[in-house]
Amino acid sequence: MPAAADRPVDLSEAPSAAPAGSPSPAPGKPGRADLGRRRRATGSGKPGPGGSERKAPTGPGRSDPAAPRTSGAAGSGEPDPATPGEPDPEEKGPLRRCVATRTSLPKDGMLRFVLGPGRELVPDLGERLPGRGMWLSARADVLEAALKRGAFAKAARGQVQAPPDLSMRIEAGLRHRLRDLVGFARRAGQAVCGFQQAREWLQSGRAGLVVQASDGSASERARLVGSKEVPVVAALSAAELGSVFGRDHTVHVAVARGRLAQEIAREAARLGGFTSAVESVRG
């Protein structure tokens, strides 16, 4: 009988020797190759204790990482409240909601208000001041109703200090803006004054708007326009119009078609809500 040392060895049954210096896997734990195959097969993340794969937690207060996130309170889906000092999220598009009547109207016929450092109510006639805007229909009676009902305080979510002469400040500010716009048109060569020059612009079709003095002769104002289909506003006095053109008084002003004519018509309409001296002869 051959000795054990002379017995042939089957190399297929012998365990493969690990490379020198490589650590041997701990008993009962899978090796790296096994973990890699498991991860690719399951698509999961890091393995848990004992080589088992961890699962994403579910239940109350947990959400699927792939699910879309919602703003506001957790799970409510409501939008976050406006951050102080940033524009109102509703200040988009052509419409604004009046804080007094709660109706949405074109912003061209409305006024914007913001809160000052001491929470005083500030009319933002140019609509450029920072802060959350509060919009109101450009009418003196709507402003009075809003102040009586505390509409601004509700919209601002806190106390609001309104100056007692707020309506007069708005009227003065609108008059100033209107004079400036007519002055811009004059300096740009887009406005002329006087009966004869205004009539020439009307006959040639260049005039897109006629601005007439509110205290001018009604018959003269009607004679200038005649049957022409052109918007006419009577917003400023003859002295106010004259000061724009370097004269004592001016009754008739013709403005060329374009953006300035549109802005002048808008300011005249907003001013009309705060004074009975303003009239729209023809729109």
C-alpha atoms as a PDB file:
ATOM      1  CA  MET A   1       0.000   0.000   0.000  1.00  0.00           C
ATOM      2  CA  PRO A   2       1.521   3.345  -1.051  1.00  0.00           C
ATOM      3  CA  ALA A   3       2.452   5.804   1.636  1.00  0.00           C
ATOM      4  CA  ALA A   4       0.403   8.926   2.265  1.00  0.00           C
ATOM      5  CA  ALA A   5       3.184  11.094   1.022  1.00  0.00           C
ATOM      6  CA  ASP A   6       3.126   9.259  -2.341  1.00  0.00           C
ATOM      7  CA  ARG A   7      -0.724   9.740  -2.784  1.00  0.00           C
ATOM      8  CA  PRO A   8      -1.578  12.071  -5.710  1.00  0.00           C
ATOM      9  CA  VAL A   9      -3.176  15.417  -4.794  1.00  0.00           C
ATOM     10  CA  ASP A  10      -6.300  16.700  -6.620  1.00  0.00           C
ATOM     11  CA  LEU A  11      -5.588  20.421  -7.148  1.00  0.00           C
ATOM     12  CA  SER A  12      -9.256  21.168  -7.988  1.00  0.00           C
ATOM     13  CA  GLU A  13     -10.276  20.426  -4.405  1.00  0.00           C
ATOM     14  CA  ALA A  14      -7.487  22.414  -2.749  1.00  0.00           C
ATOM     15  CA  PRO A  15      -8.401  25.910  -1.487  1.00  0.00           C
ATOM     16  CA  SER A  16      -6.797  28.773  -3.411  1.00  0.00           C
ATOM     17  CA  ALA A  17      -4.130  30.614  -1.522  1.00  0.00           C
ATOM     18  CA  ALA A  18      -4.776  34.287  -0.805  1.00  0.00           C
ATOM     19  CA  PRO A  19      -2.252  36.762  -2.137  1.00  0.00           C
ATOM     20  CA  ALA A  20       0.448  37.704   0.279  1.00  0.00           C
ATOM     21  CA  GLY A  21      -0.421  40.582   2.535  1.00  0.00           C
ATOM     22  CA  SER A  22      -4.207  40.509   1.817  1.00  0.00           C
ATOM     23  CA  PRO A  23      -6.479  40.142   4.871  1.00  0.00           C
ATOM     24  CA  SER A  24      -8.623  37.114   5.117  1.00  0.00           C
ATOM     25  CA  PRO A  25     -12.395  37.658   5.379  1.00  0.00           C
ATOM     26  CA  ALA A  26     -13.744  37.258   8.877  1.00  0.00           C
ATOM     27  CA  PRO A  27     -15.689  34.086   9.503  1.00  0.00           C
ATOM     28  CA  GLY A  28     -19.427  34.486   8.947  1.00  0.00           C
ATOM     29  CA  LYS A  29     -19.080  37.832   7.066  1.00  0.00           C
ATOM     30  CA  PRO A  30     -19.386  38.266   3.300  1.00  0.00           C
ATOM     31  CA  GLY A  31     -16.429  39.544   1.344  1.00  0.00           C
ATOM     32  CA  ARG A  32     -16.271  42.688  -0.752  1.00  0.00           C
ATOM     33  CA  ALA A  33     -17.139  40.896  -3.933  1.00  0.00           C
ATOM     34  CA  ASP A  34     -20.278  39.457  -2.354  1.00  0.00           C
ATOM     35  CA  LEU A  35     -21.366  42.879  -1.052  1.00  0.00           C
ATOM     36  CA  GLY A  36     -20.766  44.452  -4.450  1.00  0.00           C
ATOM     37  CA  ARG A  37     -22.911  41.849  -6.149  1.00  0.00           C
ATOM     38  CA  ARG A  38     -25.686  42.369  -3.582  1.00  0.00           C
ATOM     39  CA  ARG A  39     -25.651  46.125  -4.019  1.00  0.00           C
ATOM     40  CA  ARG A  40     -25.857  45.895  -7.786  1.00  0.00           C
ATOM     41  CA  ALA A  41     -28.670  43.372  -7.568  1.00  0.00           C
ATOM     42  CA  THR A  42     -30.790  45.306  -5.083  1.00  0.00           C
ATOM     43  CA  GLY A  43     -29.808  48.900  -5.949  1.00  0.00           C
ATOM     44  CA  SER A  44     -29.643  49.748  -2.252  1.00  0.00           C
ATOM     45  CA  GLY A  45     -27.085  51.738  -0.294  1.00  0.00           C
ATOM     46  CA  LYS A  46     -24.770  50.682   2.475  1.00  0.00           C
ATOM     47  CA  PRO A  47     -25.282  47.294   4.060  1.00  0.00           C
ATOM     48  CA  GLY A  48     -26.524  47.007   7.610  1.00  0.00           C
ATOM     49  CA  PRO A  49     -25.093  44.878  10.373  1.00  0.00           C
ATOM     50  CA  GLY A  50     -24.285  41.347   9.318  1.00  0.00           C
ATOM     51  CA  GLY A  51     -24.212  42.253   5.639  1.00  0.00           C
ATOM     52  CA  SER A  52     -27.987  42.897   5.382  1.00  0.00           C
ATOM     53  CA  GLU A  53     -29.106  45.843   3.281  1.00  0.00           C
ATOM     54  CA  ARG A  54     -30.621  48.885   4.967  1.00  0.00           C
ATOM     55  CA  LYS A  55     -34.064  49.994   3.867  1.00  0.00           C
ATOM     56  CA  ALA A  56     -35.318  53.577   3.737  1.00  0.00           C
ATOM     57  CA  PRO A  57     -37.452  54.343   6.798  1.00  0.00           C
ATOM     58  CA  THR A  58     -41.155  54.814   6.194  1.00  0.00           C
ATOM     59  CA  GLY A  59     -44.124  55.804   8.296  1.00  0.00           C
ATOM     60  CA  PRO A  60     -45.350  59.039   9.899  1.00  0.00           C
ATOM     61  CA  GLY A  61     -42.887  61.891   9.515  1.00  0.00           C
ATOM     62  CA  ARG A  62     -40.916  59.939   6.861  1.00  0.00           C
ATOM     63  CA  SER A  63     -41.194  60.493   3.158  1.00  0.00           C
ATOM     64  CA  ASP A  64     -39.945  58.829   0.050  1.00  0.00           C
ATOM     65  CA  PRO A  65     -36.695  60.509  -1.026  1.00  0.00           C
ATOM     66  CA  ALA A  66     -37.918  60.389  -4.615  1.00  0.00           C
ATOM     67  CA  ALA A  67     -41.217  62.088  -3.779  1.00  0.00           C
ATOM     68  CA  PRO A  68     -41.541  65.845  -4.590  1.00  0.00           C
ATOM     69  CA  ARG A  69     -41.125  68.216  -1.687  1.00  0.00           C
ATOM     70  CA  THR A  70     -43.807  70.682  -0.675  1.00  0.00           C
ATOM     71  CA  SER A  71     -43.291  74.084   0.869  1.00  0.00           C
ATOM     72  CA  GLY A  72     -44.955  75.458   3.970  1.00  0.00           C
ATOM     73  CA  ALA A  73     -45.803  73.340   6.994  1.00  0.00           C
ATOM     74  CA  ALA A  74     -44.689  69.725   6.909  1.00  0.00           C
ATOM     75  CA  GLY A  75     -46.985  67.819   4.581  1.00  0.00           C
ATOM     76  CA  SER A  76     -49.472  70.687   4.260  1.00  0.00           C
ATOM     77  CA  GLY A  77     -48.545  71.640   0.688  1.00  0.00           C
ATOM     78  CA  GLU A  78     -49.218  75.313   1.459  1.00  0.00           C
ATOM     79  CA  PRO A  79     -46.800  77.994   0.203  1.00  0.00           C
ATOM     80  CA  ASP A  80     -44.371  79.634   2.556  1.00  0.00           C
ATOM     81  CA  PRO A  81     -45.454  83.026   3.908  1.00  0.00           C
ATOM     82  CA  ALA A  82     -43.934  86.111   2.313  1.00  0.00           C
ATOM     83  CA  THR A  83     -40.569  87.078   3.704  1.00  0.00           C
ATOM     84  CA  PRO A  84     -40.478  90.635   5.098  1.00  0.00           C
ATOM     85  CA  GLY A  85     -38.716  92.995   2.721  1.00  0.00           C
ATOM     86  CA  GLU A  86     -39.384  90.850  -0.349  1.00  0.00           C
ATOM     87  CA  PRO A  87     -42.064  91.412  -3.017  1.00  0.00           C
ATOM     88  CA  ASP A  88     -45.526  90.090  -2.346  1.00  0.00           C
ATOM     89  CA  PRO A  89     -45.905  86.708  -4.102  1.00  0.00           C
ATOM     90  CA  GLU A  90     -49.262  87.916  -5.444  1.00  0.00           C
ATOM     91  CA  GLU A  91     -47.644  90.913  -7.194  1.00  0.00           C
ATOM     92  CA  LYS A  92     -47.516  89.182 -10.564  1.00  0.00           C
ATOM     93  CA  GLY A  93     -49.505  89.682 -13.723  1.00  0.00           C
ATOM     94  CA  PRO A  94     -51.778  92.614 -14.624  1.00  0.00           C
ATOM     95  CA  LEU A  95     -54.237  92.257 -11.714  1.00  0.00           C
ATOM     96  CA  ARG A  96     -54.023  93.244  -8.033  1.00  0.00           C
ATOM     97  CA  ARG A  97     -56.436  92.617  -5.161  1.00  0.00           C
ATOM     98  CA  CYS A  98     -57.813  95.670  -3.384  1.00  0.00           C
ATOM     99  CA  VAL A  99     -57.396  95.385   0.408  1.00  0.00           C
ATOM    100  CA  ALA A 100     -60.717  97.195   0.940  1.00  0.00           C
ATOM    101  CA  THR A 101     -63.084  95.720  -1.654  1.00  0.00           C
ATOM    102  CA  ARG A 102     -61.239  92.357  -1.997  1.00  0.00           C
ATOM    103  CA  THR A 103     -61.746  92.501  -5.763  1.00  0.00           C
ATOM    104  CA  SER A 104     -58.981  91.948  -8.313  1.00  0.00           C
ATOM    105  CA  LEU A 105     -58.579  94.869 -10.709  1.00  0.00           C
ATOM    106  CA  PRO A 106     -56.008  96.056 -13.266  1.00  0.00           C
ATOM    107  CA  LYS A 107     -53.132  97.670 -11.392  1.00  0.00           C
ATOM    108  CA  ASP A 108     -53.190 100.696 -13.711  1.00  0.00           C
ATOM    109  CA  GLY A 109     -56.162 101.994 -11.725  1.00  0.00           C
ATOM    110  CA  MET A 110     -54.784 101.179  -8.282  1.00  0.00           C
ATOM    111  CA  LEU A 111     -52.329 102.532  -5.706  1.00  0.00           C
ATOM    112  CA  ARG A 112     -49.580 100.592  -3.959  1.00  0.00           C
ATOM    113  CA  PHE A 113     -48.744 101.070  -0.266  1.00  0.00           C
ATOM    114  CA  VAL A 114     -45.863  99.774   1.836  1.00  0.00           C
ATOM    115  CA  LEU A 115     -44.891 100.021   5.496  1.00  0.00           C
ATOM    116  CA  GLY A 116     -42.103 102.357   6.588  1.00  0.00           C
ATOM    117  CA  PRO A 117     -39.548 101.602   9.323  1.00  0.00           C
ATOM    118  CA  GLY A 118     -41.989 102.718  12.039  1.00  0.00           C
ATOM    119  CA  ARG A 119     -44.883 100.794  10.427  1.00  0.00           C
ATOM    120  CA  GLU A 120     -46.255 104.004   8.966  1.00  0.00           C
ATOM    121  CA  LEU A 121     -48.329 103.698   5.811  1.00  0.00           C
ATOM    122  CA  VAL A 122     -46.412 105.025   2.798  1.00  0.00           C
ATOM    123  CA  PRO A 123     -48.035 105.475  -0.651  1.00  0.00           C
ATOM    124  CA  ASP A 124     -45.709 104.035  -3.294  1.00  0.00           C
ATOM    125  CA  LEU A 125     -46.966 105.963  -6.316  1.00  0.00           C
ATOM    126  CA  GLY A 126     -44.003 104.877  -8.455  1.00  0.00           C
ATOM    127  CA  GLU A 127     -44.439 101.220  -7.379  1.00  0.00           C
ATOM    128  CA  ARG A 128     -40.724 100.750  -6.713  1.00  0.00           C
ATOM    129  CA  LEU A 129     -40.313 100.832  -2.937  1.00  0.00           C
ATOM    130  CA  PRO A 130     -39.144  97.601  -1.256  1.00  0.00           C
ATOM    131  CA  GLY A 131     -41.430  95.625   0.998  1.00  0.00           C
ATOM    132  CA  ARG A 132     -44.675  93.760   0.697  1.00  0.00           C
ATOM    133  CA  GLY A 133     -47.156  95.785  -1.330  1.00  0.00           C
ATOM    134  CA  MET A 134     -50.753  96.488  -0.342  1.00  0.00           C
ATOM    135  CA  TRP A 135     -52.977  97.588  -3.204  1.00  0.00           C
ATOM    136  CA  LEU A 136     -56.027  99.851  -3.130  1.00  0.00           C
ATOM    137  CA  SER A 137     -58.382 101.196  -5.758  1.00  0.00           C
ATOM    138  CA  ALA A 138     -57.378 104.756  -6.635  1.00  0.00           C
ATOM    139  CA  ARG A 139     -60.411 106.430  -5.070  1.00  0.00           C
ATOM    140  CA  ALA A 140     -60.690 108.665  -2.043  1.00  0.00           C
ATOM    141  CA  ASP A 141     -63.853 106.957  -0.773  1.00  0.00           C
ATOM    142  CA  VAL A 142     -62.218 103.518  -0.952  1.00  0.00           C
ATOM    143  CA  LEU A 143     -59.216 104.844   0.975  1.00  0.00           C
ATOM    144  CA  GLU A 144     -61.486 106.235   3.694  1.00  0.00           C
ATOM    145  CA  ALA A 145     -63.347 102.932   3.986  1.00  0.00           C
ATOM    146  CA  ALA A 146     -60.073 100.985   4.182  1.00  0.00           C
ATOM    147  CA  LEU A 147     -58.809 103.169   7.036  1.00  0.00           C
ATOM    148  CA  LYS A 148     -62.077 102.875   8.989  1.00  0.00           C
ATOM    149  CA  ARG A 149     -62.245  99.097   8.662  1.00  0.00           C
ATOM    150  CA  GLY A 150     -58.573  98.507   9.425  1.00  0.00           C
ATOM    151  CA  ALA A 151     -57.996  96.877   6.045  1.00  0.00           C
ATOM    152  CA  PHE A 152     -54.338  97.889   5.953  1.00  0.00           C
ATOM    153  CA  ALA A 153     -53.700  96.462   9.428  1.00  0.00           C
ATOM    154  CA  LYS A 154     -55.238  93.143   8.384  1.00  0.00           C
ATOM    155  CA  ALA A 155     -53.190  93.013   5.204  1.00  0.00           C
ATOM    156  CA  ALA A 156     -49.997  93.914   7.091  1.00  0.00           C
ATOM    157  CA  ARG A 157     -50.763  91.444   9.924  1.00  0.00           C
ATOM    158  CA  GLY A 158     -50.120  94.095  12.548  1.00  0.00           C
ATOM    159  CA  GLN A 159     -50.585  97.672  13.615  1.00  0.00           C
ATOM    160  CA  VAL A 160     -50.343 100.372  10.947  1.00  0.00           C
ATOM    161  CA  GLN A 161     -49.820 104.109  11.446  1.00  0.00           C
ATOM    162  CA  ALA A 162     -51.711 106.116   8.816  1.00  0.00           C
ATOM    163  CA  PRO A 163     -51.039 109.884   8.603  1.00  0.00           C
ATOM    164  CA  PRO A 164     -54.190 112.013   8.986  1.00  0.00           C
ATOM    165  CA  ASP A 165     -53.540 113.831   5.685  1.00  0.00           C
ATOM    166  CA  LEU A 166     -52.894 110.680   3.671  1.00  0.00           C
ATOM    167  CA  SER A 167     -55.483 111.535   1.008  1.00  0.00           C
ATOM    168  CA  MET A 168     -53.983 114.997   0.478  1.00  0.00           C
ATOM    169  CA  ARG A 169     -50.498 113.518   0.227  1.00  0.00           C
ATOM    170  CA  ILE A 170     -51.657 111.103  -2.457  1.00  0.00           C
ATOM    171  CA  GLU A 171     -53.318 113.885  -4.448  1.00  0.00           C
ATOM    172  CA  ALA A 172     -50.224 116.095  -4.253  1.00  0.00           C
ATOM    173  CA  GLY A 173     -47.969 113.201  -5.234  1.00  0.00           C
ATOM    174  CA  LEU A 174     -50.104 112.321  -8.263  1.00  0.00           C
ATOM    175  CA  ARG A 175     -50.160 115.953  -9.412  1.00  0.00           C
ATOM    176  CA  HIS A 176     -46.387 116.098  -9.155  1.00  0.00           C
ATOM    177  CA  ARG A 177     -45.980 112.897 -11.148  1.00  0.00           C
ATOM    178  CA  LEU A 178     -48.375 114.158 -13.813  1.00  0.00           C
ATOM    179  CA  ARG A 179     -46.478 117.429 -14.236  1.00  0.00           C
ATOM    180  CA  ASP A 180     -43.201 115.508 -14.478  1.00  0.00           C
ATOM    181  CA  LEU A 181     -44.562 113.221 -17.196  1.00  0.00           C
ATOM    182  CA  VAL A 182     -45.822 116.147 -19.275  1.00  0.00           C
ATOM    183  CA  GLY A 183     -42.395 117.758 -18.806  1.00  0.00           C
ATOM    184  CA  PHE A 184     -40.669 114.589 -19.993  1.00  0.00           C
ATOM    185  CA  ALA A 185     -42.843 114.607 -23.117  1.00  0.00           C
ATOM    186  CA  ARG A 186     -42.062 118.281 -23.796  1.00  0.00           C
ATOM    187  CA  ARG A 187     -38.288 117.776 -23.466  1.00  0.00           C
ATOM    188  CA  ALA A 188     -38.447 114.703 -25.700  1.00  0.00           C
ATOM    189  CA  GLY A 189     -40.264 116.663 -28.411  1.00  0.00           C
ATOM    190  CA  GLN A 190     -43.421 114.610 -27.864  1.00  0.00           C
ATOM    191  CA  ALA A 191     -45.678 117.408 -26.603  1.00  0.00           C
ATOM    192  CA  VAL A 192     -46.685 120.872 -27.809  1.00  0.00           C
ATOM    193  CA  CYS A 193     -48.874 123.514 -26.224  1.00  0.00           C
ATOM    194  CA  GLY A 194     -51.222 126.177 -27.573  1.00  0.00           C
ATOM    195  CA  PHE A 195     -54.448 125.958 -29.546  1.00  0.00           C
ATOM    196  CA  GLN A 196     -52.888 126.187 -33.015  1.00  0.00           C
ATOM    197  CA  GLN A 197     -50.045 123.707 -32.509  1.00  0.00           C
ATOM    198  CA  ALA A 198     -52.270 121.200 -30.742  1.00  0.00           C
ATOM    199  CA  ARG A 199     -54.781 121.474 -33.561  1.00  0.00           C
ATOM    200  CA  GLU A 200     -52.104 120.778 -36.197  1.00  0.00           C
ATOM    201  CA  TRP A 201     -51.034 117.624 -34.365  1.00  0.00           C
ATOM    202  CA  LEU A 202     -54.648 116.490 -34.161  1.00  0.00           C
ATOM    203  CA  GLN A 203     -55.266 117.056 -37.868  1.00  0.00           C
ATOM    204  CA  SER A 204     -52.084 115.233 -38.858  1.00  0.00           C
ATOM    205  CA  GLY A 205     -52.906 112.266 -36.622  1.00  0.00           C
ATOM    206  CA  ARG A 206     -49.744 112.634 -34.564  1.00  0.00           C
ATOM    207  CA  ALA A 207     -51.522 113.389 -31.292  1.00  0.00           C
ATOM    208  CA  GLY A 208     -52.304 110.360 -29.159  1.00  0.00           C
ATOM    209  CA  LEU A 209     -53.607 112.316 -26.164  1.00  0.00           C
ATOM    210  CA  VAL A 210     -54.876 115.824 -25.428  1.00  0.00           C
ATOM    211  CA  VAL A 211     -54.307 117.324 -21.977  1.00  0.00           C
ATOM    212  CA  GLN A 212     -56.414 120.381 -21.229  1.00  0.00           C
ATOM    213  CA  ALA A 213     -56.611 122.716 -18.251  1.00  0.00           C
ATOM    214  CA  SER A 214     -59.388 121.823 -15.845  1.00  0.00           C
ATOM    215  CA  ASP A 215     -60.232 125.510 -15.393  1.00  0.00           C
ATOM    216  CA  GLY A 216     -60.141 126.361 -19.116  1.00  0.00           C
ATOM    217  CA  SER A 217     -63.126 127.365 -21.209  1.00  0.00           C
ATOM    218  CA  ALA A 218     -65.344 124.370 -21.865  1.00  0.00           C
ATOM    219  CA  SER A 219     -66.392 125.676 -25.278  1.00  0.00           C
ATOM    220  CA  GLU A 220     -62.773 126.254 -26.354  1.00  0.00           C
ATOM    221  CA  ARG A 221     -61.748 122.797 -25.216  1.00  0.00           C
ATOM    222  CA  ALA A 222     -64.592 121.220 -27.172  1.00  0.00           C
ATOM    223  CA  ARG A 223     -63.803 123.319 -30.275  1.00  0.00           C
ATOM    224  CA  LEU A 224     -60.206 122.094 -30.321  1.00  0.00           C
ATOM    225  CA  VAL A 225     -61.058 118.428 -30.284  1.00  0.00           C
ATOM    226  CA  GLY A 226     -64.165 118.584 -32.442  1.00  0.00           C
ATOM    227  CA  SER A 227     -65.042 115.138 -33.779  1.00  0.00           C
ATOM    228  CA  LYS A 228     -61.545 113.678 -33.460  1.00  0.00           C
ATOM    229  CA  GLU A 229     -61.408 110.280 -31.782  1.00  0.00           C
ATOM    230  CA  VAL A 230     -58.598 110.942 -29.318  1.00  0.00           C
ATOM    231  CA  PRO A 231     -58.428 110.538 -25.512  1.00  0.00           C
ATOM    232  CA  VAL A 232     -58.783 113.854 -23.678  1.00  0.00           C
ATOM    233  CA  VAL A 233     -58.072 114.488 -19.987  1.00  0.00           C
ATOM    234  CA  ALA A 234     -58.463 117.654 -17.935  1.00  0.00           C
ATOM    235  CA  ALA A 235     -56.253 116.975 -14.949  1.00  0.00           C
ATOM    236  CA  LEU A 236     -54.188 120.062 -14.177  1.00  0.00           C
ATOM    237  CA  SER A 237     -54.971 123.745 -13.931  1.00  0.00           C
ATOM    238  CA  ALA A 238     -53.884 126.243 -16.582  1.00  0.00           C
ATOM    239  CA  ALA A 239     -51.185 127.539 -14.226  1.00  0.00           C
ATOM    240  CA  GLU A 240     -49.841 124.017 -13.595  1.00  0.00           C
ATOM    241  CA  LEU A 241     -49.686 123.246 -17.328  1.00  0.00           C
ATOM    242  CA  GLY A 242     -48.138 126.639 -18.032  1.00  0.00           C
ATOM    243  CA  SER A 243     -45.345 126.028 -15.518  1.00  0.00           C
ATOM    244  CA  VAL A 244     -44.295 122.946 -17.510  1.00  0.00           C
ATOM    245  CA  PHE A 245     -43.896 124.993 -20.713  1.00  0.00           C
ATOM    246  CA  GLY A 246     -42.461 128.131 -19.113  1.00  0.00           C
ATOM    247  CA  ARG A 247     -45.674 130.139 -19.472  1.00  0.00           C
ATOM    248  CA  ASP A 248     -48.105 131.811 -17.119  1.00  0.00           C
ATOM    249  CA  HIS A 249     -50.896 129.502 -18.221  1.00  0.00           C
ATOM    250  CA  THR A 250     -51.639 126.894 -20.879  1.00  0.00           C
ATOM    251  CA  VAL A 251     -54.998 125.358 -21.696  1.00  0.00           C
ATOM    252  CA  HIS A 252     -54.254 122.971 -24.588  1.00  0.00           C
ATOM    253  CA  VAL A 253     -51.467 120.370 -24.792  1.00  0.00           C
ATOM    254  CA  ALA A 254     -51.135 117.650 -27.420  1.00  0.00           C
ATOM    255  CA  VAL A 255     -49.007 114.580 -26.671  1.00  0.00           C
ATOM    256  CA  ALA A 256     -47.631 112.238 -29.341  1.00  0.00           C
ATOM    257  CA  ARG A 257     -48.661 108.610 -29.444  1.00  0.00           C
ATOM    258  CA  GLY A 258     -46.545 106.297 -27.347  1.00  0.00           C
ATOM    259  CA  ARG A 259     -45.640 105.195 -23.860  1.00  0.00           C
ATOM    260  CA  LEU A 260     -45.558 108.694 -22.353  1.00  0.00           C
ATOM    261  CA  ALA A 261     -49.086 109.406 -23.555  1.00  0.00           C
ATOM    262  CA  GLN A 262     -50.262 106.189 -21.914  1.00  0.00           C
ATOM    263  CA  GLU A 263     -48.530 107.035 -18.624  1.00  0.00           C
ATOM    264  CA  ILE A 264     -49.999 110.557 -18.593  1.00  0.00           C
ATOM    265  CA  ALA A 265     -53.497 109.169 -19.170  1.00  0.00           C
ATOM    266  CA  ARG A 266     -53.008 106.660 -16.353  1.00  0.00           C
ATOM    267  CA  GLU A 267     -51.836 109.251 -13.818  1.00  0.00           C
ATOM    268  CA  ALA A 268     -54.670 111.572 -14.795  1.00  0.00           C
ATOM    269  CA  ALA A 269     -57.185 108.778 -14.189  1.00  0.00           C
ATOM    270  CA  ARG A 270     -55.685 107.933 -10.775  1.00  0.00           C
ATOM    271  CA  LEU A 271     -55.684 111.611  -9.820  1.00  0.00           C
ATOM    272  CA  GLY A 272     -59.334 111.791 -10.840  1.00  0.00           C
ATOM    273  CA  GLY A 273     -60.237 109.492  -7.970  1.00  0.00           C
ATOM    274  CA  PHE A 274     -58.966 112.014  -5.403  1.00  0.00           C
ATOM    275  CA  THR A 275     -60.216 115.347  -6.702  1.00  0.00           C
ATOM    276  CA  SER A 276     -63.419 116.512  -8.325  1.00  0.00           C
ATOM    277  CA  ALA A 277     -61.466 119.067 -10.394  1.00  0.00           C
ATOM    278  CA  VAL A 278     -60.235 116.300 -12.676  1.00  0.00           C
ATOM    279  CA  GLU A 279     -62.474 115.198 -15.520  1.00  0.00           C
ATOM    280  CA  SER A 280     -62.089 112.846 -18.413  1.00  0.00           C
ATOM    281  CA  VAL A 281     -63.630 114.599 -21.406  1.00  0.00           C
ATOM    282  CA  ARG A 282     -63.374 111.619 -23.703  1.00  0.00           C
ATOM    283  CA  GLY A 283     -61.649 108.260 -23.268  1.00  0.00           C
END
